[in-house]
Amino acid sequence: MNAVIDDTISVKSAEKIAHENNKLHKRLCRLVGQAIGDFNMIEDGDKVMVCLSGGKDSYALLDILMTLRERAPINFELVAVNLDQKQPNFPADILPAYLDKLGVAYHIENQDTYSIVKRLIPEGKTTCSLCSRLRRGILYRVADELGCNKIALGHHRDDILETFFLNMFFGGKIKGMPAKLVSDDGKHMVIRPLAYVKEEDTERYAAVKGFPIIPCDLCGSQENLQRKQIKNMLREWEKKHPGRVENIFSSMSTVVPSHLMDRDLFGFKDIKADGLANPLGDIAFDEEPCSTPTSTPGIISLQRED
């Protein structure tokens, strides 16, 4: 009798896990699809180079884009590209085996950037800046060679928020990581389809799918990076004040230029009191200056209104 009960519990538990995993997959597809639609990231006839690092986020990106490609009313191609930077003990066979099994077009680019970074950056110093510059230049070239007009990166919502605070705290700028941009060489369109996806969801999805994660021996081994400090700060905020991080992310999509101080963004020198009521007028004497309406003329909203 106990054995029957145990079997019943096991079946129900397995069904519940399967249901939750299916909900996760649907949520990721919905959020990625929404980001693609909001920013017009992928169009009919595009050839998208998906940068695959071997980390959880890029695996999730490729997986979800492959799902959406099957469902999309438009035709577009995907090419997975990995840059083998010749890190010591890098398991070079893992990605080709995985991509062959997946049946997706792919290209492995072999460039020894690891030795360059190690030679030029003193021990203990941050390698990210030089590593990213070298990697960026190589990937732009590969995109040209493969005929890809879009480059998809696996940055998620948390990456975008961390970059926002890094620029504010250490760069003195209100600047984030855009979901879509033209590359610095002016030739490539870079997209981030995971822009609305939380990191905790890519972590769980990677576990569910069993992605063969490959650690990075360059930046992955550096523990005292400013980005990790910001990440810890956001996690602490979310733990103590649930919803705060979500509100911060939403604020990046609803900007009121007249209530900042960028003279190039808003013509402060030219504004005059014209006697007309303005819902976005100065509320400096109010008790709650955060009560600005969420849908008012003059607010730049970057999210689609359903």
Protein backbone atom coordinates (compact mmCIF):
# COMPACT_ATOMS: atom_id res chain seq x y z
CA MET A 1 0.00 0.00 0.00
CA ASN A 2 2.79 2.41 0.95
CA ALA A 3 4.55 1.63 -2.32
CA VAL A 4 1.43 2.61 -4.27
CA ILE A 5 1.15 5.87 -2.33
CA ASP A 6 4.82 6.64 -2.92
CA ASP A 7 4.43 5.97 -6.64
CA THR A 8 1.38 8.26 -6.80
CA ILE A 9 3.28 11.04 -5.02
CA SER A 10 6.24 10.61 -7.37
CA VAL A 11 4.02 10.82 -10.44
CA LYS A 12 2.28 13.95 -9.17
CA SER A 13 5.62 15.52 -8.28
CA ALA A 14 6.99 14.78 -11.74
CA GLU A 15 3.85 16.21 -13.35
CA LYS A 16 4.16 19.38 -11.27
CA ILE A 17 7.81 19.81 -12.25
CA ALA A 18 6.97 19.26 -15.91
CA HIS A 19 4.16 21.82 -15.66
CA GLU A 20 6.47 24.42 -14.07
CA ASN A 21 9.16 23.80 -16.67
CA ASN A 22 6.62 24.24 -19.46
CA LYS A 23 5.46 27.53 -17.90
CA LEU A 24 9.08 28.70 -17.79
CA HIS A 25 9.58 27.89 -21.47
CA LYS A 26 6.38 29.71 -22.41
CA ARG A 27 7.38 32.74 -20.33
CA LEU A 28 10.79 32.94 -21.97
CA CYS A 29 9.25 32.66 -25.43
CA ARG A 30 6.72 35.37 -24.57
CA LEU A 31 9.30 37.78 -23.17
CA VAL A 32 11.78 37.26 -25.99
CA GLY A 33 8.99 37.59 -28.55
CA GLN A 34 7.80 40.79 -26.86
CA ALA A 35 11.30 42.30 -26.89
CA ILE A 36 11.76 41.40 -30.55
CA GLY A 37 8.42 43.04 -31.37
CA ASP A 38 8.91 46.11 -29.19
CA PHE A 39 12.26 46.97 -30.77
CA ASN A 40 11.72 45.43 -34.22
CA MET A 41 14.83 43.29 -33.72
CA ILE A 42 14.26 40.64 -36.37
CA GLU A 43 12.66 41.14 -39.78
CA ASP A 44 11.79 38.97 -42.74
CA GLY A 45 14.91 37.75 -44.56
CA ASP A 46 17.34 38.48 -41.70
CA LYS A 47 20.35 36.28 -41.11
CA VAL A 48 21.05 36.41 -37.38
CA MET A 49 24.42 35.53 -35.90
CA VAL A 50 23.80 34.18 -32.39
CA CYS A 51 26.93 34.63 -30.29
CA LEU A 52 27.32 31.43 -28.28
CA SER A 53 29.84 31.67 -25.45
CA GLY A 54 29.06 28.38 -23.76
CA GLY A 55 27.33 30.15 -20.86
CA LYS A 56 23.75 29.70 -19.68
CA ASP A 57 22.43 32.92 -21.25
CA SER A 58 23.68 32.37 -24.79
CA TYR A 59 22.45 28.76 -24.73
CA ALA A 60 19.02 29.98 -23.64
CA LEU A 61 19.04 32.66 -26.33
CA LEU A 62 19.78 30.18 -29.11
CA ASP A 63 17.21 27.69 -27.82
CA ILE A 64 14.39 30.24 -27.59
CA LEU A 65 15.21 31.83 -30.96
CA MET A 66 15.06 28.39 -32.58
CA THR A 67 11.62 27.86 -31.05
CA LEU A 68 10.37 31.27 -32.20
CA ARG A 69 11.76 30.76 -35.69
CA GLU A 70 9.48 27.74 -36.09
CA ARG A 71 6.45 29.77 -35.00
CA ALA A 72 7.20 33.14 -36.60
CA PRO A 73 5.14 34.42 -39.54
CA ILE A 74 8.41 35.61 -41.14
CA ASN A 75 11.46 33.77 -42.42
CA PHE A 76 14.89 34.33 -40.89
CA GLU A 77 18.08 32.34 -40.53
CA LEU A 78 20.13 31.57 -37.45
CA VAL A 79 23.86 30.88 -37.32
CA ALA A 80 25.44 30.03 -33.97
CA VAL A 81 28.97 31.42 -33.66
CA ASN A 82 31.47 30.60 -30.94
CA LEU A 83 34.83 32.31 -30.49
CA ASP A 84 37.37 29.79 -29.21
CA GLN A 85 39.79 32.10 -27.39
CA LYS A 86 42.25 29.27 -26.68
CA GLN A 87 41.84 29.32 -22.95
CA PRO A 88 43.78 26.54 -21.19
CA ASN A 89 41.82 23.30 -20.85
CA PHE A 90 38.99 24.67 -23.00
CA PRO A 91 36.81 21.66 -24.00
CA ALA A 92 36.76 22.39 -27.72
CA ASP A 93 34.62 19.35 -28.54
CA ILE A 94 31.59 20.27 -26.41
CA LEU A 95 30.00 23.00 -28.53
CA PRO A 96 30.41 21.32 -31.95
CA ALA A 97 28.91 18.10 -30.56
CA TYR A 98 25.99 20.00 -29.01
CA LEU A 99 25.32 22.07 -32.14
CA ASP A 100 25.58 19.04 -34.44
CA LYS A 101 22.97 17.30 -32.30
CA LEU A 102 20.81 20.43 -32.36
CA GLY A 103 20.97 20.59 -36.15
CA VAL A 104 21.63 24.33 -36.33
CA ALA A 105 24.11 26.02 -38.65
CA TYR A 106 27.22 27.08 -36.76
CA HIS A 107 30.77 28.39 -37.05
CA ILE A 108 33.66 28.05 -34.58
CA GLU A 109 36.17 30.90 -34.87
CA ASN A 110 39.62 30.07 -33.49
CA GLN A 111 41.57 33.10 -32.24
CA ASP A 112 44.10 33.12 -29.39
CA THR A 113 42.91 36.23 -27.58
CA TYR A 114 43.62 34.57 -24.22
CA SER A 115 47.39 34.89 -24.67
CA ILE A 116 47.08 38.51 -25.79
CA VAL A 117 45.03 39.45 -22.73
CA LYS A 118 47.33 37.61 -20.34
CA ARG A 119 50.38 39.25 -21.90
CA LEU A 120 49.03 42.81 -21.82
CA ILE A 121 47.02 42.88 -18.58
CA PRO A 122 48.98 42.68 -15.28
CA GLU A 123 48.07 39.84 -12.94
CA GLY A 124 45.12 40.74 -10.74
CA LYS A 125 43.85 43.52 -13.00
CA THR A 126 40.48 43.37 -14.75
CA THR A 127 40.68 41.72 -18.16
CA CYS A 128 37.11 42.43 -19.31
CA SER A 129 37.76 45.66 -21.23
CA LEU A 130 40.55 44.36 -23.49
CA CYS A 131 38.93 40.95 -23.85
CA SER A 132 35.63 42.45 -24.98
CA ARG A 133 37.32 44.80 -27.49
CA LEU A 134 39.24 41.95 -29.09
CA ARG A 135 36.17 39.73 -29.13
CA ARG A 136 33.98 42.46 -30.60
CA GLY A 137 36.28 43.13 -33.52
CA ILE A 138 36.57 39.45 -34.36
CA LEU A 139 32.81 38.89 -34.20
CA TYR A 140 32.13 41.88 -36.48
CA ARG A 141 34.49 40.40 -39.05
CA VAL A 142 32.89 36.96 -38.76
CA ALA A 143 29.41 38.47 -39.19
CA ASP A 144 30.58 40.04 -42.47
CA GLU A 145 32.13 36.80 -43.66
CA LEU A 146 28.97 34.81 -42.89
CA GLY A 147 26.67 37.42 -44.44
CA CYS A 148 24.81 38.07 -41.17
CA ASN A 149 23.02 41.42 -40.91
CA LYS A 150 22.06 41.02 -37.22
CA ILE A 151 24.24 40.03 -34.25
CA ALA A 152 22.31 38.61 -31.27
CA LEU A 153 23.89 38.78 -27.82
CA GLY A 154 22.74 36.95 -24.68
CA HIS A 155 22.53 39.89 -22.28
CA HIS A 156 19.46 39.72 -20.04
CA ARG A 157 17.52 42.17 -17.89
CA ASP A 158 19.95 41.94 -14.98
CA ASP A 159 22.92 42.69 -17.25
CA ILE A 160 21.12 45.81 -18.46
CA LEU A 161 20.37 46.98 -14.92
CA GLU A 162 23.92 46.32 -13.74
CA THR A 163 25.32 48.30 -16.67
CA PHE A 164 22.96 51.17 -15.84
CA PHE A 165 24.30 51.41 -12.28
CA LEU A 166 27.91 50.86 -13.35
CA ASN A 167 27.66 53.86 -15.68
CA MET A 168 25.97 55.95 -12.99
CA PHE A 169 28.27 55.04 -10.09
CA PHE A 170 31.59 54.83 -11.90
CA GLY A 171 31.08 56.75 -15.17
CA GLY A 172 28.88 59.67 -14.14
CA LYS A 173 26.34 58.91 -16.89
CA ILE A 174 22.75 57.76 -17.09
CA LYS A 175 23.40 55.11 -19.70
CA GLY A 176 22.35 51.52 -19.95
CA MET A 177 22.73 48.61 -22.34
CA PRO A 178 20.22 49.08 -25.19
CA ALA A 179 18.12 46.27 -26.53
CA LYS A 180 19.04 47.28 -30.07
CA LEU A 181 21.84 49.43 -31.41
CA VAL A 182 24.10 50.09 -34.37
CA SER A 183 27.64 48.86 -33.69
CA ASP A 184 30.51 51.26 -33.12
CA ASP A 185 31.84 50.59 -36.62
CA GLY A 186 28.47 51.65 -38.05
CA LYS A 187 28.09 48.44 -40.08
CA HIS A 188 26.22 46.02 -37.84
CA MET A 189 22.91 45.85 -36.01
CA VAL A 190 23.31 44.36 -32.54
CA ILE A 191 20.25 42.99 -30.75
CA ARG A 192 19.59 41.65 -27.23
CA PRO A 193 16.43 39.51 -27.40
CA LEU A 194 16.73 38.52 -23.71
CA ALA A 195 16.33 42.17 -22.62
CA TYR A 196 13.12 41.43 -20.66
CA VAL A 197 14.31 38.11 -19.19
CA LYS A 198 15.50 37.77 -15.58
CA GLU A 199 18.79 36.01 -14.92
CA GLU A 200 17.13 33.65 -12.46
CA ASP A 201 15.00 32.37 -15.34
CA THR A 202 17.99 31.67 -17.60
CA GLU A 203 19.68 29.88 -14.67
CA ARG A 204 16.69 27.65 -14.11
CA TYR A 205 16.16 27.09 -17.83
CA ALA A 206 19.80 26.02 -18.24
CA ALA A 207 19.31 23.46 -15.46
CA VAL A 208 16.07 22.19 -16.99
CA LYS A 209 17.58 21.83 -20.46
CA GLY A 210 20.91 20.47 -19.22
CA PHE A 211 23.01 22.85 -21.30
CA PRO A 212 26.72 21.85 -21.37
CA ILE A 213 28.02 24.98 -19.62
CA ILE A 214 31.62 25.99 -20.33
CA PRO A 215 33.19 28.29 -17.69
CA CYS A 216 35.33 31.29 -18.67
CA ASP A 217 38.87 31.24 -17.23
CA LEU A 218 39.37 34.95 -17.89
CA CYS A 219 36.58 37.11 -16.44
CA GLY A 220 34.87 34.17 -14.74
CA SER A 221 37.80 33.75 -12.37
CA GLN A 222 37.88 37.38 -11.17
CA GLU A 223 35.88 37.79 -7.98
CA ASN A 224 36.21 41.50 -7.13
CA LEU A 225 34.75 43.10 -10.22
CA GLN A 226 32.60 46.21 -9.93
CA ARG A 227 29.82 44.40 -11.81
CA LYS A 228 29.66 41.72 -9.14
CA GLN A 229 29.38 44.41 -6.48
CA ILE A 230 26.42 45.90 -8.36
CA LYS A 231 24.87 42.45 -8.79
CA ASN A 232 25.07 41.84 -5.04
CA MET A 233 23.55 45.26 -4.37
CA LEU A 234 20.55 44.53 -6.62
CA ARG A 235 20.02 41.11 -5.07
CA GLU A 236 20.07 42.62 -1.60
CA TRP A 237 17.56 45.28 -2.66
CA GLU A 238 15.23 42.68 -4.14
CA LYS A 239 15.45 40.57 -1.00
CA LYS A 240 14.70 43.48 1.36
CA HIS A 241 12.33 45.38 -0.94
CA PRO A 242 10.55 43.03 -3.39
CA GLY A 243 9.55 44.86 -6.56
CA ARG A 244 12.17 47.61 -6.30
CA VAL A 245 14.40 46.15 -9.04
CA GLU A 246 11.38 45.67 -11.32
CA ASN A 247 10.43 49.32 -10.81
CA ILE A 248 13.95 50.45 -11.64
CA PHE A 249 13.90 48.44 -14.86
CA SER A 250 10.49 49.87 -15.78
CA SER A 251 11.82 53.39 -15.20
CA MET A 252 14.43 52.85 -17.90
CA SER A 253 11.59 52.48 -20.39
CA THR A 254 9.66 55.56 -19.24
CA VAL A 255 11.91 58.62 -19.37
CA VAL A 256 10.83 62.21 -18.64
CA PRO A 257 13.56 64.38 -20.26
CA SER A 258 12.09 67.62 -18.85
CA HIS A 259 12.72 66.35 -15.32
CA LEU A 260 16.36 65.47 -15.78
CA MET A 261 19.25 67.89 -16.38
CA ASP A 262 20.61 67.01 -19.81
CA ARG A 263 20.59 70.30 -21.76
CA ASP A 264 21.16 68.47 -25.04
CA LEU A 265 18.20 66.16 -24.44
CA PHE A 266 15.76 68.89 -23.46
CA GLY A 267 15.74 72.57 -24.44
CA PHE A 268 15.71 74.13 -20.96
CA LYS A 269 17.02 77.47 -22.26
CA ASP A 270 14.05 77.91 -24.56
CA ILE A 271 11.15 76.98 -22.27
CA LYS A 272 8.87 79.76 -21.04
CA ALA A 273 5.78 80.01 -18.84
CA ASP A 274 2.94 80.34 -21.37
CA GLY A 275 0.01 80.25 -18.96
CA LEU A 276 -1.20 76.86 -20.20
CA ALA A 277 -1.75 74.00 -17.77
CA ASN A 278 0.80 71.19 -18.22
CA PRO A 279 0.34 67.77 -16.53
CA LEU A 280 4.13 67.42 -16.62
CA GLY A 281 4.74 70.80 -15.07
CA ASP A 282 6.91 71.40 -12.01
CA ILE A 283 5.67 69.60 -8.89
CA ALA A 284 8.68 70.56 -6.78
CA PHE A 285 6.48 71.69 -3.86
CA ASP A 286 4.43 68.49 -3.76
CA GLU A 287 4.88 65.91 -1.01
CA GLU A 288 5.20 63.00 -3.47
CA PRO A 289 7.13 64.01 -6.60
CA CYS A 290 7.03 60.40 -7.79
CA SER A 291 3.32 60.54 -8.55
CA THR A 292 3.79 61.52 -12.22
CA PRO A 293 1.16 59.78 -14.39
CA THR A 294 2.51 56.74 -16.23
CA SER A 295 0.89 57.56 -19.57
CA THR A 296 1.12 61.25 -20.36
CA PRO A 297 2.26 63.32 -23.37
CA GLY A 298 5.92 64.23 -23.03
CA ILE A 299 6.99 60.94 -21.47
CA ILE A 300 9.12 58.77 -23.73
CA SER A 301 7.86 55.21 -23.36
CA LEU A 302 9.90 52.40 -24.91
CA GLN A 303 7.54 49.55 -24.08
CA ARG A 304 4.65 48.36 -26.20
CA GLU A 305 1.22 49.06 -24.82
CA ASP A 306 -0.97 45.96 -25.23
